[in-house]
């Protein structure tokens, strides 16, 4: 059989329309593949976003519960510091006044209290690129604002309070026989005075005045902690309301 060259150009399937059709089909395949991948990524991000929101809400609700306990313990310590400062230094030679000093100072000496938030979700958001799944800038700004406030105010002031506590302990150990064990933050537990009945190791007006000055500063730092924690709580509750409203979570 003989085939002429001009007949090759008439072979079916190789016209301009055919090439355009193949290009169009390839374009559709790539386009719909891109849409499918984009849809899959959006679904994954929405699931991650929901997980982060639910986890963050759980952390914030725990924070508000923990803050209530913090306030109770901190106000207890502040009241004990106030009682110590109400005892005149010159009256501390009297055994009864020394006993009062011991009862109020022992809890202040034995332990300090600072608020530490539950930051598991916040850490993931900051370190694992979790903020990338959020589309609402208002949500991102509110979360960052809460974290910034804790780091810049609550945590920083807690560190100042911790240092003032350490200074009080250093001075107290030079003048007073204090308990070895920590004490709970309740008035129902009465610290036992040493069997010898002696409270002061030495009566030093200079050291006692220095102790009072340190306690006074410590009380101020702890009061500031309470104030910053209350602001943090307000921001946390506002963020809870925002997340519940925007994500329709009760």
Protein backbone atom coordinates (compact mmCIF):
# COMPACT_ATOMS: atom_id res chain seq x y z
CA UNK A 1 0.00 0.00 0.00
CA UNK A 2 1.33 3.42 -0.89
CA UNK A 3 0.97 6.48 1.39
CA UNK A 4 1.49 9.95 0.06
CA UNK A 5 2.93 12.79 2.16
CA UNK A 6 -0.09 14.96 1.67
CA UNK A 7 -2.24 12.29 3.25
CA UNK A 8 -0.25 12.48 6.52
CA UNK A 9 -1.43 16.02 7.10
CA UNK A 10 -4.98 14.75 6.91
CA UNK A 11 -4.44 12.14 9.66
CA UNK A 12 -7.09 12.47 12.36
CA UNK A 13 -6.31 13.86 15.86
CA UNK A 14 -3.49 16.18 15.04
CA UNK A 15 -5.36 19.36 14.20
CA UNK A 16 -5.19 22.64 16.07
CA UNK A 17 -8.43 21.90 17.85
CA UNK A 18 -6.95 18.64 19.14
CA UNK A 19 -3.91 20.35 20.66
CA UNK A 20 -6.12 23.02 22.20
CA UNK A 21 -8.36 20.33 23.66
CA UNK A 22 -5.37 18.48 25.19
CA UNK A 23 -4.04 21.73 26.65
CA UNK A 24 -7.46 22.57 28.08
CA UNK A 25 -7.82 19.13 29.68
CA UNK A 26 -4.33 19.41 31.19
CA UNK A 27 -5.18 22.87 32.49
CA UNK A 28 -8.38 21.57 34.08
CA UNK A 29 -6.51 18.69 35.71
CA UNK A 30 -3.93 21.03 37.24
CA UNK A 31 -6.55 23.59 38.24
CA UNK A 32 -8.85 21.12 39.96
CA UNK A 33 -5.86 19.43 41.58
CA UNK A 34 -4.86 22.81 43.00
CA UNK A 35 -8.41 23.42 44.24
CA UNK A 36 -8.53 19.99 45.88
CA UNK A 37 -5.20 20.53 47.61
CA UNK A 38 -6.22 24.00 48.73
CA UNK A 39 -9.52 22.66 50.06
CA UNK A 40 -7.72 19.86 51.91
CA UNK A 41 -5.28 22.34 53.45
CA UNK A 42 -8.14 24.62 54.53
CA UNK A 43 -9.93 21.71 56.19
CA UNK A 44 -6.75 20.71 58.04
CA UNK A 45 -6.15 24.31 59.14
CA UNK A 46 -9.75 24.64 60.34
CA UNK A 47 -9.35 21.47 62.40
CA UNK A 48 -6.08 22.78 63.87
CA UNK A 49 -7.68 26.15 64.58
CA UNK A 50 -10.58 24.49 66.38
CA UNK A 51 -8.16 22.35 68.40
CA UNK A 52 -6.08 25.39 69.41
CA UNK A 53 -9.18 27.37 70.39
CA UNK A 54 -10.64 24.58 72.52
CA UNK A 55 -7.27 23.93 74.16
CA UNK A 56 -6.67 27.63 74.80
CA UNK A 57 -10.14 27.99 76.33
CA UNK A 58 -9.40 25.11 78.70
CA UNK A 59 -6.11 26.77 79.73
CA UNK A 60 -7.74 30.16 80.29
CA UNK A 61 -10.56 28.70 82.36
CA UNK A 62 -8.00 26.90 84.52
CA UNK A 63 -6.13 30.19 84.91
CA UNK A 64 -9.22 31.93 86.27
CA UNK A 65 -9.71 29.10 88.77
CA UNK A 66 -6.05 29.16 89.80
CA UNK A 67 -6.15 32.94 90.20
CA UNK A 68 -8.91 32.65 92.80
CA UNK A 69 -6.61 30.41 94.87
CA UNK A 70 -3.71 32.79 94.29
CA UNK A 71 -5.70 35.74 95.63
CA UNK A 72 -6.65 33.79 98.75
CA UNK A 73 -3.07 32.77 99.50
CA UNK A 74 -1.63 36.19 98.68
CA UNK A 75 -4.15 38.09 100.80
CA UNK A 76 -3.38 35.67 103.63
CA UNK A 77 0.33 36.48 103.36
CA UNK A 78 -0.35 40.22 103.12
CA UNK A 79 -2.44 40.06 106.29
CA UNK A 80 0.39 38.27 108.12
CA UNK A 81 2.92 40.85 106.95
CA UNK A 82 0.63 43.64 108.16
CA UNK A 83 0.38 41.99 111.59
CA UNK A 84 4.18 41.74 111.82
CA UNK A 85 4.60 45.39 110.92
CA UNK A 86 2.04 46.32 113.58
CA UNK A 87 4.30 44.98 116.34
CA UNK A 88 6.64 47.71 117.67
CA UNK A 89 10.30 46.72 117.47
CA UNK A 90 10.93 48.02 120.99
CA UNK A 91 8.22 45.69 122.35
CA UNK A 92 9.85 42.57 120.94
CA UNK A 93 11.77 42.01 124.17
CA UNK A 94 8.53 40.76 125.68
CA UNK A 95 7.92 36.97 125.24
CA UNK A 96 4.23 37.45 124.42
CA UNK A 97 5.04 39.94 121.62
CA UNK A 98 7.76 37.62 120.35
CA UNK A 99 5.19 34.84 120.16
CA UNK A 100 2.87 37.09 118.14
CA UNK A 101 5.77 37.92 115.84
CA UNK A 102 6.49 34.24 115.35
CA UNK A 103 2.86 33.32 114.60
CA UNK A 104 2.63 35.96 111.87
CA UNK A 105 6.13 35.74 110.46
CA UNK A 106 6.36 31.94 110.18
CA UNK A 107 3.91 31.66 107.24
CA UNK A 108 5.57 34.62 105.49
CA UNK A 109 8.96 32.99 105.91
CA UNK A 110 8.00 29.44 105.02
CA UNK A 111 6.69 30.02 101.51
CA UNK A 112 5.82 32.61 98.88
CA UNK A 113 3.07 32.49 96.28
CA UNK A 114 3.11 33.60 92.67
CA UNK A 115 0.67 32.93 89.85
CA UNK A 116 1.92 30.87 86.90
CA UNK A 117 -0.51 30.48 84.00
CA UNK A 118 -1.26 27.25 82.16
CA UNK A 119 0.63 28.06 78.98
CA UNK A 120 0.76 24.74 77.08
CA UNK A 121 -1.34 26.04 74.19
CA UNK A 122 0.31 29.46 74.18
CA UNK A 123 3.73 27.79 73.87
CA UNK A 124 2.52 25.70 70.92
CA UNK A 125 1.07 28.75 69.19
CA UNK A 126 4.33 30.67 69.54
CA UNK A 127 6.83 27.89 68.85
CA UNK A 128 5.01 25.62 66.39
CA UNK A 129 3.66 28.31 64.06
CA UNK A 130 0.13 27.81 65.34
CA UNK A 131 -0.89 31.40 64.68
CA UNK A 132 -0.74 30.64 60.94
CA UNK A 133 -4.04 28.75 61.09
CA UNK A 134 -5.96 31.80 62.39
CA UNK A 135 -7.56 34.13 59.86
CA UNK A 136 -9.02 36.66 62.27
CA UNK A 137 -6.46 39.31 63.19
CA UNK A 138 -8.59 40.36 66.15
CA UNK A 139 -8.19 36.88 67.66
CA UNK A 140 -4.44 36.87 67.08
CA UNK A 141 -4.04 40.36 68.57
CA UNK A 142 -6.06 39.44 71.67
CA UNK A 143 -4.03 36.28 72.30
CA UNK A 144 -0.74 38.14 71.84
CA UNK A 145 -1.93 40.97 74.07
CA UNK A 146 -2.65 38.54 76.92
CA UNK A 147 0.72 36.84 76.53
CA UNK A 148 2.55 40.18 76.38
CA UNK A 149 0.80 41.41 79.51
CA UNK A 150 1.79 38.30 81.46
CA UNK A 151 5.44 38.40 80.35
CA UNK A 152 5.86 42.16 80.79
CA UNK A 153 3.88 42.79 83.97
CA UNK A 154 2.73 39.71 85.88
CA UNK A 155 5.89 37.64 85.47
CA UNK A 156 8.27 40.57 85.84
CA UNK A 157 6.65 41.76 89.07
CA UNK A 158 6.54 38.18 90.39
CA UNK A 159 10.31 38.04 89.96
CA UNK A 160 10.69 41.26 91.97
CA UNK A 161 8.48 39.79 94.69
CA UNK A 162 10.51 36.56 94.70
CA UNK A 163 13.72 38.53 95.24
CA UNK A 164 12.18 40.56 98.07
CA UNK A 165 11.06 37.29 99.71
CA UNK A 166 14.60 35.93 99.54
CA UNK A 167 15.94 39.08 101.19
CA UNK A 168 13.36 38.82 103.99
CA UNK A 169 14.35 35.19 104.58
CA UNK A 170 18.06 36.08 104.75
CA UNK A 171 17.46 38.72 107.43
CA UNK A 172 14.88 36.70 109.39
CA UNK A 173 17.24 33.74 109.75
CA UNK A 174 19.72 35.98 111.58
CA UNK A 175 17.33 37.05 114.33
CA UNK A 176 14.49 34.53 114.66
CA UNK A 177 14.18 30.78 115.16
CA UNK A 178 11.86 29.82 112.34
CA UNK A 179 10.25 26.49 111.34
CA UNK A 180 12.02 24.09 109.02
CA UNK A 181 8.88 22.87 107.24
CA UNK A 182 6.63 24.90 105.00
CA UNK A 183 3.23 25.90 106.33
CA UNK A 184 -0.15 25.94 104.57
CA UNK A 185 -1.81 29.26 103.85
CA UNK A 186 -4.52 28.88 106.48
CA UNK A 187 -5.08 30.45 109.90
CA UNK A 188 -6.28 27.08 111.21
CA UNK A 189 -2.65 25.92 111.39
CA UNK A 190 -0.81 27.55 114.29
CA UNK A 191 3.00 27.41 114.03
CA UNK A 192 4.52 25.83 117.12
CA UNK A 193 7.14 27.86 118.96
CA UNK A 194 10.37 26.05 119.87
CA UNK A 195 10.18 24.07 123.10
CA UNK A 196 12.65 26.48 124.72
CA UNK A 197 10.07 29.22 124.26
CA UNK A 198 12.70 31.50 122.73
CA UNK A 199 11.82 33.17 119.46
CA UNK A 200 14.62 35.69 118.95
CA UNK A 201 18.13 34.41 118.38
CA UNK A 202 19.34 37.88 119.23
CA UNK A 203 17.69 41.21 119.90
CA UNK A 204 19.21 43.58 117.38
CA UNK A 205 17.33 46.79 116.70
CA UNK A 206 19.28 47.28 113.48
CA UNK A 207 18.47 43.80 112.13
CA UNK A 208 14.84 43.96 113.23
CA UNK A 209 14.35 47.37 111.61
CA UNK A 210 15.99 46.00 108.47
CA UNK A 211 13.66 43.00 108.63
CA UNK A 212 10.63 45.28 108.93
CA UNK A 213 11.81 47.35 105.98
CA UNK A 214 12.23 44.23 103.87
CA UNK A 215 8.79 42.91 104.85
CA UNK A 216 7.24 46.28 104.06
CA UNK A 217 8.79 46.22 100.60
CA UNK A 218 7.79 42.57 100.14
CA UNK A 219 4.21 43.39 101.04
CA UNK A 220 4.18 46.18 98.46
CA UNK A 221 5.53 43.85 95.79
CA UNK A 222 2.96 41.19 96.62
CA UNK A 223 0.14 43.75 96.54
CA UNK A 224 1.37 44.81 93.10
CA UNK A 225 1.31 41.14 92.04
CA UNK A 226 -2.35 40.94 93.02
CA UNK A 227 -3.14 44.08 91.02
CA UNK A 228 -1.41 42.81 87.88
CA UNK A 229 -3.01 39.39 88.26
CA UNK A 230 -6.45 40.98 88.42
CA UNK A 231 -5.73 42.81 85.17
CA UNK A 232 -4.54 39.55 83.64
CA UNK A 233 -7.74 37.84 84.78
CA UNK A 234 -9.86 40.55 83.18
CA UNK A 235 -7.99 40.14 79.88
CA UNK A 236 -8.29 36.35 80.11
CA UNK A 237 -12.05 36.53 80.70
CA UNK A 238 -12.45 38.94 77.79
CA UNK A 239 -10.51 36.54 75.55
CA UNK A 240 -12.68 33.63 76.71
CA UNK A 241 -15.82 35.58 75.77
CA UNK A 242 -14.34 36.54 72.39
CA UNK A 243 -13.37 32.96 71.51
CA UNK A 244 -16.71 31.57 72.62
CA UNK A 245 -18.58 34.18 70.60
CA UNK A 246 -16.50 33.92 67.42
CA UNK A 247 -16.35 30.10 67.39
CA UNK A 248 -19.86 29.50 68.76
CA UNK A 249 -18.61 27.59 71.79
CA UNK A 250 -20.59 27.57 75.01
